[in-house]
Amino acid sequence: MLKIDNLSYSFPEKDLYKNISFTLEYGQHCAFIGTNGSGKSTLIDIIMDPEKYMFNGTLEMSPNSRIGYVSQFSQLDKIKDTTVFEYIGEDFIKLQNEITAICTEMETSSDIDTLLEKYQQALDAFNAIDGDFFEDTINKNLNLANLMSYKDSMISELSGGEFKLIQVIKAMLNSPDLIIMDEPDVFLDFGNLNSLKDLINSHKGTMLIITHNRYLLNHCFNKIIHLENMELQEFDGSYIDYNFSLLQTKIELQELAAADTEEIERNEKLINKLRIIATENAEAFRGRTLNARVKIQERLEKRRIKAPFVDIKEVDIGLVTGKKIKEDIALKVNNYSVSFDDVLLENVNFEVKGTEKVAIIGSNGTGKTTLLQEIFENNHDSIELNEEAKVAYLSQIQNKTLNTSNTILQEFYDAGFKTYEDIKSHILDYAFEEEMINRKIGTLSGGEKNMLQLAKLSVSDANLLLLDEPTSHLDTYSQIALEKAIKNYNGSIIMISHDFYTIVNCMDSLLIIEDKTIRKMNMRKFKKMIYANHFGKDYLEIEQNKKSLETRIELALKATDFELAKVLSEELEELIKLL
């Protein structure tokens, strides 16, 4: 279907790829993963329109292949006055109208041969998208995504998550040879995420999907492409198997690296002794012995193991708490209501304690973001913030908290940093290299912008954090780092999220929006509800045991106890089979 061979590409300020190669076979569902800013979206752009880019290497696509594309950014404005059916069936309706117009023209035209040729071309295109069954197929996929009731609704009536699913259905129904999706899961609630999973798994064709969503990664793919540090590797198999393979490789490489380090240290001591002897004794053979030993050391250094896919640097997110709220309650919400065209929330009541971490969950379009914004603005009669609360806000609309025309340097000077060195030192912890410091924020990827928001948030000295979809666009390594930072934070957090992995890993309780109201739920009950509805009954226990084993392996590697790490790895392999 697609073959890339020894492809290299650079921006003026950054090398992206160095001789990367992979193939994509017919029918494969491939997850495209890698850290933020590694160049995944750019590679997708090159595949979509290779003529725009000056790259080295080759890119081969099956002849006459058609690509369907779903962007990570929804553009509703141009089509908001279109119905769902008209939007999905655009190509079908256009061909139907064209065939009808040609037939009408044939009734009066003398140039029948030209019209017959046009008619055949339109009919071939109609048959290529299974035109005779097109509406049935639309209905089937709308049902699969639980969106059949929206068939005759205007696009403007859909939530962002619902429109994303409609985009996916449209891309699938036009029967492309390859469907490419760039983070189609961003901002989807859990119901819509399940629908996306079902749509992906129902599709028989070839797919290449950029995603960091651990739920989709664990349940949708039979091939993994991993881009990291300008290099790429491909893995035929599931994401769970890929992660286990990485862990096994890490154990092997660290054991070899430890042996190499010992040898290098022994050799270094010998070289130092030989230097002293050679200085005191001018005999030629002493110098030759020293030079030979230095060459051995150089060879040892060259063969040191480099593992761009195994030893990925984890970002260091530090959420520092300001002055602690003395009283028990950080926030009270009494009889809060909000409505636009319809009532979203009505007579809502809840409290958040001074060190409590609370997730807000609910379907797309139920008023979660509006509630968080009004807490931040603190000008609503129903919202009462503790007078000692100092609030900081991370927005899913990134240009609300970031000036996209600023460089990273300007943004942090504006945030109160005094020197270039202070800014450089701070952003290095958030995976921004020094050469990026003068990059315009508008040119960064979605994940990099969210990481920049977190870097600003970490110096806000706030004791109440409002986080609106903080894991959106973040790579899986950054998501895990954020979970650690949230767990270690000593203040209050209110977080909107649809990522149940993040919720169960670091939050204390939940506020669930249902039927225009909010009810509080403890984490234990939430886990039972999610796993009962969406997984097998033993899934939660297996997942927890898997996580515990992975932690023990990590500790064994830190202690260089490679034998224990191998034994634990064998236990983990047996556990993974159950998943």
Protein backbone atom coordinates (compact mmCIF):
# COMPACT_ATOMS: atom_id res chain seq x y z
CA MET A 1 0.00 0.00 0.00
CA LEU A 2 2.72 2.45 1.05
CA LYS A 3 6.51 2.17 1.16
CA ILE A 4 8.92 4.78 2.55
CA ASP A 5 12.62 4.09 2.11
CA ASN A 6 15.55 6.01 3.66
CA LEU A 7 13.60 9.24 3.95
CA SER A 8 15.38 12.25 5.49
CA TYR A 9 13.88 15.69 6.02
CA SER A 10 14.84 18.85 7.93
CA PHE A 11 13.33 22.18 8.85
CA PRO A 12 15.76 25.13 8.80
CA GLU A 13 16.02 24.96 12.61
CA LYS A 14 15.55 21.21 13.18
CA ASP A 15 16.36 17.81 11.66
CA LEU A 16 13.22 15.66 11.72
CA TYR A 17 14.07 12.31 10.07
CA LYS A 18 17.28 10.49 9.31
CA ASN A 19 16.95 7.65 6.76
CA ILE A 20 13.63 6.34 8.08
CA SER A 21 11.88 3.42 6.35
CA PHE A 22 8.62 1.51 6.76
CA THR A 23 5.95 -0.29 4.76
CA LEU A 24 2.19 -0.37 5.20
CA GLU A 25 0.38 -3.43 3.83
CA TYR A 26 -3.22 -3.65 2.62
CA GLY A 27 -5.71 -4.02 5.47
CA GLN A 28 -3.31 -3.08 8.29
CA HIS A 29 -4.52 -0.80 11.09
CA CYS A 30 -1.35 1.03 12.09
CA ALA A 31 -0.87 3.29 15.14
CA PHE A 32 1.70 6.05 14.58
CA ILE A 33 3.26 7.03 17.92
CA GLY A 34 6.13 9.17 19.22
CA THR A 35 6.89 12.04 21.56
CA ASN A 36 5.45 15.52 20.98
CA GLY A 37 7.29 17.44 18.28
CA SER A 38 8.97 14.36 16.79
CA GLY A 39 7.45 15.09 13.37
CA LYS A 40 4.47 12.72 13.10
CA SER A 41 2.06 15.27 11.58
CA THR A 42 4.74 16.50 9.17
CA LEU A 43 5.34 12.96 7.93
CA ILE A 44 1.58 12.62 7.39
CA ASP A 45 1.67 15.86 5.36
CA ILE A 46 4.54 14.48 3.25
CA ILE A 47 2.54 11.29 2.54
CA MET A 48 -0.54 13.37 1.64
CA ASP A 49 1.30 15.78 -0.68
CA PRO A 50 4.93 14.73 -1.38
CA GLU A 51 5.34 17.36 -4.13
CA LYS A 52 5.26 20.13 -1.48
CA TYR A 53 8.37 18.85 0.32
CA MET A 54 12.06 18.63 -0.55
CA PHE A 55 13.13 15.36 1.08
CA ASN A 56 15.75 12.71 0.43
CA GLY A 57 14.75 9.08 -0.05
CA THR A 58 11.74 7.53 -1.74
CA LEU A 59 8.01 7.41 -1.08
CA GLU A 60 6.00 4.88 -3.10
CA MET A 61 2.21 4.55 -3.06
CA SER A 62 0.14 1.97 -4.92
CA PRO A 63 -0.90 3.47 -8.30
CA ASN A 64 -4.11 5.54 -8.34
CA SER A 65 -4.49 5.21 -4.57
CA ARG A 66 -7.03 7.49 -2.91
CA ILE A 67 -6.39 8.83 0.59
CA GLY A 68 -9.08 9.75 3.11
CA TYR A 69 -8.00 12.22 5.78
CA VAL A 70 -9.33 13.24 9.20
CA SER A 71 -7.57 16.30 10.67
CA GLN A 72 -6.95 16.77 14.38
CA PHE A 73 -8.57 20.21 14.07
CA SER A 74 -12.30 20.46 13.27
CA GLN A 75 -13.43 23.25 10.91
CA LEU A 76 -17.15 23.63 11.47
CA ASP A 77 -17.66 27.16 10.13
CA LYS A 78 -17.77 26.35 6.41
CA ILE A 79 -20.33 23.54 6.75
CA LYS A 80 -22.39 24.48 9.82
CA ASP A 81 -25.57 24.97 7.73
CA THR A 82 -25.32 21.46 6.21
CA THR A 83 -27.17 18.41 7.54
CA VAL A 84 -25.22 15.40 8.79
CA PHE A 85 -26.45 13.27 5.87
CA GLU A 86 -25.55 15.98 3.29
CA TYR A 87 -22.06 16.34 4.79
CA ILE A 88 -21.31 12.60 4.90
CA GLY A 89 -22.90 11.92 1.50
CA GLU A 90 -21.40 14.95 -0.27
CA ASP A 91 -19.57 12.92 -2.97
CA PHE A 92 -22.54 10.56 -3.38
CA ILE A 93 -25.04 13.42 -3.76
CA LYS A 94 -22.73 15.28 -6.18
CA LEU A 95 -22.40 12.19 -8.42
CA GLN A 96 -26.15 11.51 -8.27
CA ASN A 97 -26.83 15.09 -9.38
CA GLU A 98 -24.20 14.87 -12.12
CA ILE A 99 -25.66 11.61 -13.52
CA THR A 100 -29.17 13.11 -13.45
CA ALA A 101 -27.96 16.27 -15.25
CA ILE A 102 -26.19 14.24 -17.98
CA CYS A 103 -29.32 12.13 -18.56
CA THR A 104 -31.44 15.28 -18.84
CA GLU A 105 -28.96 16.80 -21.31
CA MET A 106 -29.01 13.61 -23.43
CA GLU A 107 -32.73 14.15 -24.14
CA THR A 108 -32.05 17.26 -26.26
CA SER A 109 -28.34 17.12 -27.22
CA SER A 110 -27.00 15.98 -30.60
CA ASP A 111 -23.53 15.22 -29.14
CA ILE A 112 -24.54 11.90 -27.57
CA ASP A 113 -21.05 10.33 -27.80
CA THR A 114 -19.44 12.98 -25.58
CA LEU A 115 -22.28 12.75 -23.08
CA LEU A 116 -22.11 8.94 -23.03
CA GLU A 117 -18.41 9.19 -22.19
CA LYS A 118 -19.19 11.64 -19.34
CA TYR A 119 -22.03 9.41 -18.17
CA GLN A 120 -19.73 6.35 -18.03
CA GLN A 121 -17.06 8.25 -16.09
CA ALA A 122 -19.64 9.45 -13.54
CA LEU A 123 -21.14 5.95 -13.30
CA ASP A 124 -17.69 4.40 -12.71
CA ALA A 125 -17.05 6.91 -9.90
CA PHE A 126 -20.51 6.17 -8.46
CA ASN A 127 -19.84 2.41 -8.50
CA ALA A 128 -16.37 2.95 -6.95
CA ILE A 129 -18.06 4.23 -3.78
CA ASP A 130 -20.76 1.55 -3.87
CA GLY A 131 -23.33 4.19 -4.74
CA ASP A 132 -26.27 1.77 -4.89
CA PHE A 133 -25.75 0.93 -1.20
CA PHE A 134 -24.43 4.29 -0.06
CA GLU A 135 -27.36 5.39 2.10
CA ASP A 136 -27.62 1.96 3.74
CA THR A 137 -23.92 2.15 4.57
CA ILE A 138 -24.33 5.64 6.05
CA ASN A 139 -27.18 4.38 8.25
CA LYS A 140 -25.14 1.36 9.36
CA ASN A 141 -22.16 3.51 10.42
CA LEU A 142 -24.33 6.15 12.11
CA ASN A 143 -25.91 3.33 14.12
CA LEU A 144 -22.46 1.94 14.97
CA ALA A 145 -21.42 5.36 16.29
CA ASN A 146 -24.75 5.83 18.15
CA LEU A 147 -25.47 8.91 16.01
CA MET A 148 -28.44 7.75 13.91
CA SER A 149 -30.73 10.28 15.61
CA TYR A 150 -28.54 13.10 14.20
CA LYS A 151 -28.88 12.06 10.53
CA ASP A 152 -31.11 15.02 9.62
CA SER A 153 -29.62 17.45 12.17
CA MET A 154 -27.53 20.45 11.17
CA ILE A 155 -23.78 20.11 11.63
CA SER A 156 -23.94 23.23 13.83
CA GLU A 157 -26.05 21.27 16.36
CA LEU A 158 -23.29 18.71 17.00
CA SER A 159 -20.73 18.80 19.78
CA GLY A 160 -17.05 18.78 18.79
CA GLY A 161 -16.79 15.09 19.65
CA GLU A 162 -19.86 14.17 17.63
CA PHE A 163 -18.57 16.09 14.61
CA LYS A 164 -15.23 14.28 14.86
CA LEU A 165 -17.05 10.93 14.57
CA ILE A 166 -19.03 12.26 11.58
CA GLN A 167 -15.70 13.19 9.91
CA VAL A 168 -14.44 9.64 10.49
CA ILE A 169 -17.62 8.12 9.01
CA LYS A 170 -17.34 10.38 5.94
CA ALA A 171 -13.69 9.40 5.39
CA MET A 172 -14.56 5.69 5.60
CA LEU A 173 -17.63 5.82 3.36
CA ASN A 174 -15.82 7.29 0.37
CA SER A 175 -13.90 3.98 0.10
CA PRO A 176 -10.33 5.36 0.07
CA ASP A 177 -7.43 2.93 -0.26
CA LEU A 178 -5.82 4.46 2.82
CA ILE A 179 -7.41 6.41 5.68
CA ILE A 180 -5.09 8.73 7.63
CA MET A 181 -6.25 10.26 10.92
CA ASP A 182 -4.34 12.78 13.01
CA GLU A 183 -5.37 12.42 16.68
CA PRO A 184 -9.08 11.73 15.99
CA ASP A 185 -9.63 10.97 19.70
CA VAL A 186 -8.84 14.45 21.07
CA PHE A 187 -11.65 15.77 23.33
CA LEU A 188 -13.93 12.75 22.75
CA ASP A 189 -15.97 11.72 25.77
CA PHE A 190 -15.78 8.05 26.72
CA GLY A 191 -18.99 7.13 24.88
CA ASN A 192 -17.74 8.76 21.66
CA LEU A 193 -14.30 7.21 22.19
CA ASN A 194 -15.96 3.78 22.28
CA SER A 195 -17.80 4.64 19.07
CA LEU A 196 -14.51 5.65 17.44
CA LYS A 197 -12.97 2.33 18.55
CA ASP A 198 -15.91 0.45 16.98
CA LEU A 199 -15.64 2.43 13.73
CA ILE A 200 -11.90 1.76 13.44
CA ASN A 201 -12.30 -1.94 14.18
CA SER A 202 -15.20 -2.30 11.71
CA HIS A 203 -13.17 -0.85 8.81
CA LYS A 204 -11.66 -3.46 6.49
CA GLY A 205 -9.27 -1.10 4.70
CA THR A 206 -5.82 0.27 5.52
CA MET A 207 -5.44 2.87 8.28
CA LEU A 208 -2.61 5.03 9.60
CA ILE A 209 -3.63 6.84 12.80
CA ILE A 210 -1.64 9.23 14.99
CA THR A 211 -2.84 8.72 18.55
CA HIS A 212 -1.63 8.91 22.14
CA ASN A 213 -4.86 7.51 23.56
CA ARG A 214 -4.04 4.42 25.62
CA TYR A 215 -7.56 3.00 25.28
CA LEU A 216 -7.43 3.08 21.46
CA LEU A 217 -3.82 1.91 21.41
CA ASN A 218 -4.70 -1.15 23.50
CA HIS A 219 -7.77 -2.13 21.45
CA CYS A 220 -7.49 -1.11 17.78
CA PHE A 221 -4.16 -1.81 16.08
CA ASN A 222 -2.15 -4.66 14.57
CA LYS A 223 0.92 -2.62 13.64
CA ILE A 224 2.91 0.08 15.45
CA ILE A 225 5.16 2.71 13.88
CA HIS A 226 7.26 4.58 16.44
CA LEU A 227 9.09 7.79 15.55
CA GLU A 228 11.71 9.02 18.01
CA ASN A 229 14.92 11.09 17.89
CA MET A 230 14.88 11.25 14.05
CA GLU A 231 14.68 7.44 13.81
CA LEU A 232 11.74 5.12 13.14
CA GLN A 233 10.98 1.51 13.92
CA GLU A 234 8.00 -0.64 12.96
CA PHE A 235 6.45 -3.50 14.89
CA ASP A 236 3.92 -6.01 13.57
CA GLY A 237 1.63 -6.70 16.50
CA SER A 238 -0.45 -4.99 19.17
CA TYR A 239 0.55 -2.00 21.29
CA ILE A 240 0.55 -4.14 24.46
CA ASP A 241 2.99 -6.58 22.80
CA TYR A 242 5.09 -3.67 21.53
CA ASN A 243 5.43 -2.17 25.01
CA PHE A 244 6.42 -5.57 26.42
CA SER A 245 8.99 -5.99 23.64
CA LEU A 246 10.44 -2.55 24.52
CA LEU A 247 10.67 -3.54 28.19
CA GLN A 248 12.50 -6.78 27.36
CA THR A 249 14.89 -4.86 25.11
CA LYS A 250 15.45 -2.30 27.87
CA ILE A 251 16.48 -5.06 30.32
CA GLU A 252 18.89 -6.56 27.77
CA LEU A 253 20.38 -3.21 26.75
CA GLN A 254 20.83 -1.97 30.31
CA GLU A 255 22.58 -5.22 31.25
CA LEU A 256 24.94 -4.83 28.28
CA ALA A 257 25.40 -1.13 29.01
CA ALA A 258 26.31 -1.90 32.65
CA ALA A 259 28.94 -4.39 31.47
CA ASP A 260 30.29 -1.83 28.98
CA THR A 261 30.43 0.85 31.68
CA GLU A 262 32.46 -1.42 33.97
CA GLU A 263 34.87 -2.22 31.11
CA ILE A 264 35.20 1.48 30.20
CA GLU A 265 35.92 2.40 33.84
CA ARG A 266 38.57 -0.35 34.12
CA ASN A 267 40.15 0.80 30.88
CA GLU A 268 40.11 4.45 31.99
CA LYS A 269 42.06 3.56 35.16
CA LEU A 270 44.61 1.60 33.08
CA ILE A 271 45.00 4.53 30.65
CA ASN A 272 45.65 6.92 33.55
CA LYS A 273 48.34 4.59 34.93
CA LEU A 274 49.94 4.25 31.48
CA ARG A 275 49.97 8.05 31.05
CA ILE A 276 51.87 8.44 34.32
CA ILE A 277 54.35 5.71 33.32
CA ALA A 278 54.77 7.19 29.82
CA THR A 279 55.45 10.64 31.32
CA GLU A 280 58.10 9.29 33.66
CA ASN A 281 59.63 6.86 31.14
CA ALA A 282 60.31 8.03 27.59
CA GLU A 283 60.73 4.53 26.09
CA ALA A 284 58.80 4.28 22.79
CA PHE A 285 56.95 1.06 23.62
CA ARG A 286 55.34 2.79 26.65
CA GLY A 287 53.77 5.37 24.33
CA ARG A 288 52.64 2.65 21.90
CA THR A 289 50.97 0.73 24.76
CA LEU A 290 49.14 3.90 25.84
CA ASN A 291 47.98 4.65 22.28
CA ALA A 292 46.71 1.09 21.83
CA ARG A 293 44.75 1.27 25.07
CA VAL A 294 43.25 4.68 24.07
CA LYS A 295 42.08 3.14 20.76
CA ILE A 296 40.43 0.28 22.71
CA GLN A 297 38.66 2.89 24.84
CA GLU A 298 37.45 4.74 21.75
CA ARG A 299 36.04 1.49 20.33
CA LEU A 300 34.26 0.77 23.63
CA GLU A 301 32.73 4.26 23.66
CA LYS A 302 31.54 3.84 20.05
CA ARG A 303 29.78 0.57 20.80
CA ARG A 304 27.99 2.00 23.83
CA ILE A 305 24.33 1.11 23.43
CA LYS A 306 22.12 3.90 22.12
CA ALA A 307 18.43 3.19 22.42
CA PRO A 308 16.24 6.01 21.02
CA PHE A 309 13.07 3.95 21.45
CA VAL A 310 13.89 2.43 24.82
CA ASP A 311 15.50 5.18 26.85
CA ILE A 312 13.10 8.05 26.16
CA LYS A 313 13.69 11.04 28.41
CA GLU A 314 10.67 11.60 30.61
CA VAL A 315 9.67 15.21 31.07
CA ASP A 316 9.86 16.56 34.61
CA ILE A 317 6.57 18.32 35.33
CA GLY A 318 6.71 20.05 38.69
CA LEU A 319 3.41 21.49 39.95
CA VAL A 320 4.48 23.58 42.92
CA THR A 321 1.79 24.42 45.50
CA GLY A 322 1.51 27.97 46.74
CA LYS A 323 0.35 28.94 50.23
CA LYS A 324 -1.93 26.18 51.53
CA ILE A 325 -5.60 26.90 52.07
CA LYS A 326 -6.06 26.76 55.85
CA GLU A 327 -9.75 25.96 55.83
CA ASP A 328 -11.09 22.62 54.64
CA ILE A 329 -13.12 23.89 51.68
CA ALA A 330 -11.44 25.45 48.64
CA LEU A 331 -14.57 25.88 46.51
CA LYS A 332 -18.37 25.85 47.03
CA VAL A 333 -20.89 25.81 44.18
CA ASN A 334 -24.51 26.48 45.21
CA ASN A 335 -27.51 26.31 42.86
CA TYR A 336 -25.38 26.93 39.78
CA SER A 337 -27.17 26.95 36.41
CA VAL A 338 -25.98 27.64 32.87
CA SER A 339 -27.77 27.66 29.52
CA PHE A 340 -27.21 28.71 25.94
CA ASP A 341 -29.91 27.65 23.46
CA ASP A 342 -30.80 24.87 25.92
CA VAL A 343 -30.29 24.43 29.66
CA LEU A 344 -26.96 22.64 30.21
CA LEU A 345 -26.73 22.58 34.01
CA GLU A 346 -29.47 23.37 36.50
CA ASN A 347 -29.26 23.97 40.30
CA VAL A 348 -25.89 22.26 40.65
CA ASN A 349 -24.31 21.95 44.12
CA PHE A 350 -20.90 20.59 45.15
CA GLU A 351 -17.79 21.32 47.24
CA VAL A 352 -14.08 20.73 46.69
CA LYS A 353 -11.77 20.33 49.70
CA GLY A 354 -8.44 22.11 50.14
CA THR A 355 -6.26 19.23 48.91
CA GLU A 356 -8.85 17.27 46.91
CA LYS A 357 -8.27 16.23 43.29
CA VAL A 358 -11.59 16.01 41.44
CA ALA A 359 -12.28 15.00 37.84
CA ILE A 360 -15.31 16.37 35.99
CA ILE A 361 -16.67 13.94 33.40
CA GLY A 362 -19.68 13.97 31.13
CA SER A 363 -20.72 13.83 27.50
CA ASN A 364 -19.43 16.40 25.01
CA GLY A 365 -21.42 19.64 25.13
CA THR A 366 -22.79 19.34 28.68
CA GLY A 367 -21.24 22.55 30.08
CA LYS A 368 -18.00 21.28 31.67
CA THR A 369 -15.70 23.88 30.11
CA THR A 370 -18.17 26.71 30.80
CA LEU A 371 -18.28 25.72 34.49
CA LEU A 372 -14.47 25.64 34.74
CA GLN A 373 -14.13 29.04 33.05
CA GLU A 374 -16.66 30.61 35.42
CA ILE A 375 -14.82 29.17 38.44
CA PHE A 376 -11.64 30.77 37.05
CA GLU A 377 -13.30 34.13 36.39
CA ASN A 378 -14.97 34.00 39.86
CA ASN A 379 -17.76 36.43 39.01
CA HIS A 380 -20.81 34.16 39.35
CA ASP A 381 -23.07 34.47 42.42
CA SER A 382 -23.33 30.68 42.75
CA ILE A 383 -19.55 30.15 42.90
CA GLU A 384 -17.70 30.82 46.15
CA LEU A 385 -13.91 30.53 46.20
CA ASN A 386 -11.96 30.42 49.46
CA GLU A 387 -10.32 33.83 49.95
CA GLU A 388 -6.93 32.11 50.22
CA ALA A 389 -7.37 30.30 46.90
CA LYS A 390 -4.90 31.26 44.19
CA VAL A 391 -6.18 29.83 40.91
CA ALA A 392 -4.31 28.84 37.74
CA TYR A 393 -5.98 27.65 34.55
CA LEU A 394 -5.01 25.33 31.67
CA SER A 395 -7.35 25.71 28.71
CA GLN A 396 -8.16 23.20 25.96
CA ILE A 397 -8.28 26.28 23.69
CA GLN A 398 -4.56 26.92 23.90
CA ASN A 399 -4.46 30.49 22.59
CA LYS A 400 -6.51 31.57 25.64
CA THR A 401 -3.45 31.12 27.86
CA LEU A 402 -0.64 31.35 25.28
CA ASN A 403 0.20 34.24 22.95
CA THR A 404 0.79 32.29 19.74
CA SER A 405 2.60 35.23 18.10
CA ASN A 406 5.19 35.17 20.92
CA THR A 407 8.36 33.12 20.86
CA ILE A 408 8.82 30.71 23.77
CA LEU A 409 11.40 33.16 25.14
CA GLN A 410 9.00 36.13 25.01
CA GLU A 411 6.21 34.08 26.61
CA PHE A 412 8.31 33.31 29.68
CA TYR A 413 9.67 36.85 29.96
CA ASP A 414 6.01 37.92 29.99
CA ALA A 415 5.37 35.28 32.68
CA GLY A 416 7.91 36.97 34.98
CA PHE A 417 11.20 35.19 34.25
CA LYS A 418 14.17 37.55 34.46
CA THR A 419 16.99 35.92 32.48
CA TYR A 420 17.57 33.82 29.38
CA GLU A 421 19.39 31.19 31.47
CA ASP A 422 16.44 30.83 33.88
CA ILE A 423 14.04 30.30 30.96
CA LYS A 424 16.37 27.81 29.26
CA SER A 425 16.83 25.81 32.46
CA HIS A 426 13.07 25.69 33.07
CA ILE A 427 11.92 24.63 29.59
CA LEU A 428 14.57 21.89 29.35
CA ASP A 429 12.58 19.99 32.00
CA TYR A 430 9.57 20.12 29.67
CA ALA A 431 11.33 18.53 26.65
CA PHE A 432 12.08 21.82 24.85
CA GLU A 433 15.65 21.95 23.54
CA GLU A 434 17.53 25.27 23.69
CA GLU A 435 17.36 25.73 19.89
CA MET A 436 13.54 25.91 20.20
CA ILE A 437 13.62 28.88 22.57
CA ASN A 438 13.14 31.37 19.73
CA ARG A 439 10.42 29.35 17.96
CA LYS A 440 7.04 31.06 17.55
CA ILE A 441 4.43 29.36 19.74
CA GLY A 442 2.05 29.26 16.77
CA THR A 443 4.42 26.83 14.97
CA LEU A 444 4.42 24.27 17.80
CA SER A 445 2.44 21.03 17.76
CA GLY A 446 -0.69 20.66 19.90
CA GLY A 447 1.21 18.54 22.42
CA GLU A 448 4.06 21.05 22.65
CA LYS A 449 1.58 23.88 23.30
CA ASN A 450 -0.04 21.90 26.12
CA MET A 451 3.39 21.15 27.57
CA LEU A 452 4.16 24.90 27.40
CA GLN A 453 0.93 25.61 29.33
CA LEU A 454 2.09 23.12 31.99
CA ALA A 455 5.53 24.76 32.12
CA LYS A 456 3.84 28.13 32.83
CA LEU A 457 1.40 26.58 35.29
CA SER A 458 4.24 25.04 37.29
CA VAL A 459 5.58 28.49 38.28
CA SER A 460 2.18 30.05 39.01
CA ASP A 461 2.42 29.36 42.76
CA ALA A 462 -1.28 28.39 42.69
CA ASN A 463 -3.05 26.25 45.28
CA LEU A 464 -6.09 25.49 43.07
CA LEU A 465 -5.50 24.25 39.53
CA LEU A 466 -8.23 24.16 36.89
CA LEU A 467 -7.20 21.76 34.11
CA ASP A 468 -9.35 21.46 30.98
CA GLU A 469 -8.31 18.31 29.07
CA PRO A 470 -4.62 18.57 30.10
CA THR A 471 -3.65 15.25 28.47
CA SER A 472 -5.05 16.18 25.04
CA HIS A 473 -2.32 16.01 22.36
CA LEU A 474 0.26 14.87 24.96
CA ASP A 475 2.31 11.78 24.10
CA THR A 476 1.94 8.80 26.45
CA TYR A 477 5.24 9.52 28.23
CA SER A 478 4.13 13.07 29.03
CA GLN A 479 0.71 11.82 30.16
CA ILE A 480 2.40 9.51 32.69
CA ALA A 481 4.68 12.35 33.85
CA LEU A 482 1.62 14.60 34.34
CA GLU A 483 -0.09 11.88 36.38
CA LYS A 484 2.95 11.74 38.69
CA ALA A 485 2.95 15.53 39.02
CA ILE A 486 -0.77 15.60 39.89
CA LYS A 487 -0.31 12.88 42.52
CA ASN A 488 2.54 14.87 44.12
CA TYR A 489 0.67 18.21 44.09
CA ASN A 490 -0.46 19.33 47.56
CA GLY A 491 -3.23 21.72 46.53
CA SER A 492 -6.69 21.27 44.97
CA ILE A 493 -7.22 20.24 41.36
CA ILE A 494 -10.41 20.29 39.30
CA MET A 495 -9.78 18.51 36.02
CA ILE A 496 -11.99 17.95 33.00
CA SER A 497 -10.90 14.74 31.32
CA HIS A 498 -12.17 11.92 29.16
CA ASP A 499 -8.99 9.89 29.71
CA PHE A 500 -10.05 7.33 32.31
CA TYR A 501 -6.44 6.10 32.63
CA THR A 502 -5.40 9.53 33.94
CA ILE A 503 -8.53 9.78 36.10
CA VAL A 504 -8.06 6.45 37.87
CA ASN A 505 -4.29 6.93 38.20
CA CYS A 506 -4.26 10.25 40.04
CA MET A 507 -7.67 11.65 41.05
CA ASP A 508 -9.50 11.26 44.38
CA SER A 509 -13.13 11.53 43.24
CA LEU A 510 -15.38 12.51 40.35
CA LEU A 511 -18.15 14.94 39.49
CA ILE A 512 -20.34 13.24 36.89
CA ILE A 513 -22.63 15.38 34.73
CA GLU A 514 -25.87 13.60 33.84
CA ASP A 515 -29.37 14.92 33.10
CA LYS A 516 -28.34 18.59 33.62
CA THR A 517 -27.04 17.98 37.13
CA ILE A 518 -23.85 16.85 38.87
CA ARG A 519 -23.38 13.97 41.28
CA LYS A 520 -20.23 13.10 43.17
CA MET A 521 -18.76 9.59 42.96
CA ASN A 522 -15.78 7.97 44.68
CA MET A 523 -13.03 6.41 42.64
CA ARG A 524 -13.77 2.83 43.61
CA LYS A 525 -17.34 3.03 42.33
CA PHE A 526 -16.19 4.77 39.13
CA LYS A 527 -13.66 2.03 38.37
CA LYS A 528 -16.31 -0.65 38.84
CA MET A 529 -18.73 1.24 36.58
CA ILE A 530 -16.21 1.80 33.77
CA TYR A 531 -14.73 -1.67 33.81
CA ALA A 532 -18.12 -3.38 34.09
CA ASN A 533 -19.47 -1.45 31.08
CA HIS A 534 -16.45 -1.53 28.80
CA PHE A 535 -14.11 -4.38 29.79
CA GLY A 536 -14.17 -7.94 31.07
CA LYS A 537 -14.78 -8.33 34.79
CA ASP A 538 -11.11 -9.26 35.50
CA TYR A 539 -9.59 -6.49 33.38
CA LEU A 540 -9.11 -4.00 36.21
CA GLU A 541 -7.32 -6.51 38.44
CA ILE A 542 -5.05 -7.65 35.58
CA GLU A 543 -4.25 -4.02 34.68
CA GLN A 544 -3.37 -3.21 38.30
CA ASN A 545 -1.15 -6.32 38.59
CA LYS A 546 0.51 -5.41 35.27
CA LYS A 547 1.26 -1.91 36.51
CA SER A 548 2.65 -3.27 39.79
CA LEU A 549 4.97 -5.68 37.94
CA GLU A 550 6.19 -2.92 35.60
CA THR A 551 7.01 -0.76 38.65
CA ARG A 552 8.94 -3.62 40.27
CA ILE A 553 10.90 -4.17 37.02
CA GLU A 554 11.73 -0.46 36.90
CA LEU A 555 13.05 -0.59 40.50
CA ALA A 556 15.06 -3.76 39.72
CA LEU A 557 16.69 -1.99 36.76
CA LYS A 558 17.55 1.03 38.91
CA ALA A 559 19.24 -1.36 41.35
CA THR A 560 20.98 -3.12 38.38
CA ASP A 561 19.41 -6.39 39.52
CA PHE A 562 19.03 -7.78 36.01
CA GLU A 563 18.25 -11.33 37.09
CA LEU A 564 15.25 -10.15 39.13
CA ALA A 565 14.13 -7.94 36.22
CA LYS A 566 14.19 -10.98 33.89
CA VAL A 567 12.17 -13.13 36.32
CA LEU A 568 9.58 -10.35 36.73
CA SER A 569 9.50 -9.91 32.94
CA GLU A 570 8.51 -13.58 32.53
CA GLU A 571 5.67 -13.06 35.05
CA LEU A 572 4.58 -9.98 33.11
CA GLU A 573 4.51 -11.91 29.84
CA GLU A 574 2.08 -14.44 31.31
CA LEU A 575 -0.11 -11.61 32.64
CA ILE A 576 -0.18 -9.84 29.28
CA LYS A 577 -1.56 -12.99 27.63
CA LEU A 578 -4.67 -12.54 29.79
CA LEU A 579 -5.21 -9.05 28.34
